[in-house]
Protein backbone atom coordinates (compact mmCIF):
# COMPACT_ATOMS: atom_id res chain seq x y z
CA UNK A 1 98.45 111.34 105.74
CA UNK A 2 96.25 109.00 103.40
CA UNK A 3 95.59 107.09 100.33
CA UNK A 4 92.37 107.01 98.23
CA UNK A 5 92.59 105.01 95.07
CA UNK A 6 89.99 105.70 92.28
CA UNK A 7 88.42 103.02 90.26
CA UNK A 8 85.24 103.03 87.74
CA UNK A 9 83.02 100.72 86.64
CA UNK A 10 84.22 100.56 83.53
CA UNK A 11 86.56 102.93 80.84
CA UNK A 12 85.64 106.27 79.92
CA UNK A 13 83.38 106.56 83.05
CA UNK A 14 85.50 109.85 84.26
CA UNK A 15 87.80 109.05 86.25
CA UNK A 16 90.96 110.87 85.50
CA UNK A 17 88.75 114.35 85.86
CA UNK A 18 87.03 112.87 89.06
CA UNK A 19 90.83 112.64 90.64
CA UNK A 20 91.54 116.02 89.06
CA UNK A 21 88.59 117.37 91.01
CA UNK A 22 89.54 115.49 94.21
CA UNK A 23 92.91 116.81 93.98
CA UNK A 24 91.56 120.49 93.44
CA UNK A 25 89.50 120.19 96.32
CA UNK A 26 92.26 119.01 98.89
CA UNK A 27 94.68 121.40 97.35
CA UNK A 28 92.27 124.28 97.71
CA UNK A 29 92.13 123.54 101.86
CA UNK A 30 95.81 123.80 101.84
CA UNK A 31 96.56 119.93 101.75
CA UNK A 32 99.83 118.62 99.84
CA UNK A 33 98.93 116.11 97.20
CA UNK A 34 100.57 113.53 94.92
CA UNK A 35 98.55 111.23 92.49
CA UNK A 36 99.80 107.99 90.97
CA UNK A 37 99.24 106.11 87.97
CA UNK A 38 100.51 102.77 87.78
CA UNK A 39 100.31 102.50 84.56
CA UNK A 40 98.94 104.46 81.37
CA UNK A 41 97.74 102.88 78.14
CA UNK A 42 97.39 103.69 74.42
CA UNK A 43 99.67 106.68 74.94
CA UNK A 44 102.98 106.70 73.21
CA UNK A 45 106.09 108.29 74.57
CA UNK A 46 106.05 112.03 75.32
CA UNK A 47 102.77 112.15 74.87
CA UNK A 48 100.21 113.81 77.74
CA UNK A 49 98.13 110.90 79.38
CA UNK A 50 95.84 111.10 82.46
CA UNK A 51 98.08 112.66 84.96
CA UNK A 52 98.72 115.23 82.74
CA UNK A 53 95.36 115.98 82.25
CA UNK A 54 95.23 115.89 86.07
CA UNK A 55 98.07 118.38 86.53
CA UNK A 56 96.13 120.89 84.07
CA UNK A 57 93.12 120.79 85.79
CA UNK A 58 94.35 120.89 89.35
CA UNK A 59 97.86 122.23 89.71
CA UNK A 60 98.82 119.15 91.35
CA UNK A 61 102.84 118.93 91.80
CA UNK A 62 103.72 115.58 91.69
CA UNK A 63 102.54 113.04 89.68
CA UNK A 64 104.14 109.20 89.62
CA UNK A 65 102.98 107.04 86.32
CA UNK A 66 104.85 103.61 86.92
CA UNK A 67 104.28 102.09 83.25
CA UNK A 68 103.21 103.65 79.74
CA UNK A 69 102.25 101.36 76.50
CA UNK A 70 101.37 102.21 73.32
CA UNK A 71 97.97 100.47 72.60
CA UNK A 72 94.68 100.92 73.79
CA UNK A 73 94.27 98.11 76.12
CA UNK A 74 94.39 96.72 79.61
CA UNK A 75 97.80 97.28 80.82
CA UNK A 76 99.06 93.52 81.08
CA UNK A 77 98.10 92.76 77.72
CA UNK A 78 99.14 95.89 75.92
CA UNK A 79 102.84 94.91 78.23
CA UNK A 80 102.98 91.30 76.58
CA UNK A 81 101.77 93.01 73.08
CA UNK A 82 104.48 95.80 73.07
CA UNK A 83 107.09 93.42 74.49
CA UNK A 84 107.73 95.95 77.59
CA UNK A 85 108.14 94.66 81.20
CA UNK A 86 104.51 95.02 82.97
CA UNK A 87 104.29 96.58 86.51
CA UNK A 88 103.89 94.58 89.54
CA UNK A 89 101.75 94.96 92.82
CA UNK A 90 104.67 95.51 94.87
CA UNK A 91 106.17 98.60 92.76
CA UNK A 92 102.64 100.41 93.05
CA UNK A 93 102.23 99.23 96.92
CA UNK A 94 105.66 101.10 97.14
CA UNK A 95 105.10 103.93 95.07
CA UNK A 96 101.94 104.97 96.73
CA UNK A 97 103.85 104.27 100.37
CA UNK A 98 106.35 106.81 99.32
CA UNK A 99 103.90 109.75 98.33
CA UNK A 100 102.29 108.60 101.20
CA UNK A 101 104.85 109.12 103.46
CA UNK A 102 105.54 112.98 102.13
CA UNK A 103 101.91 113.93 101.27
CA UNK A 104 98.69 114.66 103.14
CA UNK A 105 96.88 112.92 100.46
CA UNK A 106 97.98 110.15 97.91
CA UNK A 107 95.29 109.60 95.05
CA UNK A 108 96.04 106.18 93.11
CA UNK A 109 93.90 106.39 89.71
CA UNK A 110 93.27 103.09 88.25
CA UNK A 111 93.07 101.53 84.74
CA UNK A 112 89.52 100.80 83.43
CA UNK A 113 87.51 99.23 85.44
CA UNK A 114 88.23 97.41 89.23
CA UNK A 115 89.59 94.04 87.97
CA UNK A 116 91.45 95.21 84.67
CA UNK A 117 94.58 93.23 85.00
CA UNK A 118 97.28 96.25 85.83
CA UNK A 119 100.29 93.84 85.26
CA UNK A 120 102.40 91.15 86.44
CA UNK A 121 100.73 87.91 87.91
CA UNK A 122 97.45 89.38 86.70
CA UNK A 123 96.79 91.84 89.64
CA UNK A 124 94.04 94.37 89.65
CA UNK A 125 93.22 97.51 92.21
CA UNK A 126 91.76 95.14 94.84
CA UNK A 127 95.34 94.17 95.12
CA UNK A 128 96.63 96.87 95.49
CA UNK A 129 94.35 98.80 97.80
CA UNK A 130 94.37 95.64 100.01
CA UNK A 131 98.10 95.89 100.53
CA UNK A 132 97.63 99.13 101.13
CA UNK A 133 95.19 99.08 103.46
CA UNK A 134 93.41 101.91 101.66
CA UNK A 135 89.65 102.81 100.81
CA UNK A 136 88.38 103.09 97.13
CA UNK A 137 85.93 105.47 95.37
CA UNK A 138 83.82 104.46 92.60
CA UNK A 139 83.43 106.34 89.72
CA UNK A 140 80.20 105.63 87.64
CA UNK A 141 78.35 106.47 84.53
CA UNK A 142 75.29 108.32 84.98
CA UNK A 143 73.21 106.30 82.26
CA UNK A 144 71.67 102.80 81.45
CA UNK A 145 73.39 99.99 83.06
CA UNK A 146 75.32 101.97 85.32
CA UNK A 147 73.09 100.10 88.45
CA UNK A 148 74.16 96.65 87.36
CA UNK A 149 78.00 97.95 86.67
CA UNK A 150 78.23 99.85 90.18
CA UNK A 151 76.56 97.09 92.17
CA UNK A 152 78.73 94.59 90.45
CA UNK A 153 81.87 96.33 91.05
CA UNK A 154 81.03 97.32 95.00
CA UNK A 155 80.14 93.61 95.66
CA UNK A 156 83.67 92.59 94.46
CA UNK A 157 84.87 95.26 96.48
CA UNK A 158 82.84 94.12 99.93
CA UNK A 159 84.50 90.40 98.83
CA UNK A 160 87.67 91.26 98.65
CA UNK A 161 87.30 92.53 102.36
CA UNK A 162 88.39 96.21 101.07
CA UNK A 163 86.24 99.52 102.27
CA UNK A 164 84.84 101.19 99.46
CA UNK A 165 84.15 105.08 100.54
CA UNK A 166 81.23 105.41 98.15
CA UNK A 167 80.43 106.32 94.15
CA UNK A 168 80.49 109.55 92.18
CA UNK A 169 79.32 110.13 88.73
CA UNK A 170 81.73 111.05 86.60
CA UNK A 171 79.80 112.83 84.08
CA UNK A 172 76.61 114.02 84.76
CA UNK A 173 74.74 115.19 81.95
CA UNK A 174 73.32 119.05 81.27
CA UNK A 175 69.85 117.26 80.45
CA UNK A 176 69.85 113.73 81.80
CA UNK A 177 67.32 111.51 80.28
CA UNK A 178 65.21 109.17 82.42
CA UNK A 179 67.32 106.49 83.24
CA UNK A 180 70.00 108.97 84.56
CA UNK A 181 66.98 110.45 86.65
CA UNK A 182 66.65 107.28 88.06
CA UNK A 183 69.96 105.89 88.63
CA UNK A 184 71.06 109.28 90.44
CA UNK A 185 67.51 107.96 93.25
CA UNK A 186 68.71 104.44 93.13
CA UNK A 187 72.45 104.23 92.93
CA UNK A 188 73.03 104.31 96.61
CA UNK A 189 69.79 101.67 97.43
CA UNK A 190 71.52 99.51 94.88
CA UNK A 191 74.89 99.04 95.75
CA UNK A 192 74.46 99.42 99.44
CA UNK A 193 77.38 102.50 99.40
CA UNK A 194 76.46 106.49 99.40
CA UNK A 195 76.53 108.10 96.67
CA UNK A 196 79.03 111.31 97.32
CA UNK A 197 78.86 113.45 94.17
CA UNK A 198 78.60 113.77 90.60
CA UNK A 199 81.04 115.76 88.15
CA UNK A 200 78.92 118.15 85.21
CA UNK A 201 79.58 116.98 81.99
CA UNK A 202 82.43 119.13 80.12
CA UNK A 203 83.84 119.92 83.15
CA UNK A 204 87.46 119.07 81.70
CA UNK A 205 87.21 122.28 79.42
CA UNK A 206 87.40 124.53 82.10
CA UNK A 207 90.68 126.04 83.11
CA UNK A 208 91.93 125.83 86.34
CA UNK A 209 91.16 128.57 88.11
CA UNK A 210 87.26 127.84 87.18
CA UNK A 211 87.98 124.15 87.86
CA UNK A 212 88.79 124.76 91.25
CA UNK A 213 85.75 127.33 91.93
CA UNK A 214 83.57 124.61 90.45
CA UNK A 215 85.02 121.03 91.92
CA UNK A 216 84.26 122.41 95.77
CA UNK A 217 80.52 121.94 95.17
CA UNK A 218 80.91 118.57 93.62
CA UNK A 219 80.67 116.28 96.36
CA UNK A 220 79.20 115.35 98.83
CA UNK A 221 80.16 117.39 102.33
CA UNK A 222 81.12 114.08 104.14
CA UNK A 223 83.38 113.25 100.82
CA UNK A 224 84.75 117.24 100.89
CA UNK A 225 85.65 116.78 104.74
CA UNK A 226 87.78 113.93 103.68
CA UNK A 227 89.52 115.53 101.57
CA UNK A 228 90.15 118.67 103.33
CA UNK A 229 91.93 117.17 106.17
CA UNK A 230 89.41 114.67 108.03
CA UNK A 231 90.10 110.53 108.27
CA UNK A 232 89.11 108.70 105.52
CA UNK A 233 86.54 105.82 106.33
């Protein structure tokens, strides 16, 4: 049994599709998988959020969303503006541990970037990872600026003593520009952690069967082995 946290260098870098792909690879290998989203923002009651997208693409059965706020803001700000009680770190940790007790792999998808405040007392995904003793996979953008954002994110994890499994590019363009092509070569050197894969742009438009067939080829064999049963780093 293992827990892997999925964070991003910023918002809209492809965390949800990467999370779905990770789940899909593990499910295809016969593992039991659960996905937890501590806080969903920008989605109203009854509307499909990130976990619905993960389920649609991967077919994962058990998902847990701990809090939902209607405005597309950082969770602690959205909670305060909505007059809704914020989620707290202990609640997130307990939920992840409960899922881990009954599943081979539990994925915890963050909100926005690594240091976005998720709830009470300004806790972040770093605090959740530290409490769980779990590693973090960082989802990065492909284009200009990602070297800086990725290096800052990895250094924040290092300074907190949280292991970083590596990076995955969340949306690799069909026709990458010069910056993206250079970033592909330089991300590992600049950040000091491996680049473990990339998800082609538009992959969210695939149906579940096609998504499952394709996702096995998106990740480095080291990460794929972890997802299919080998211990996480």
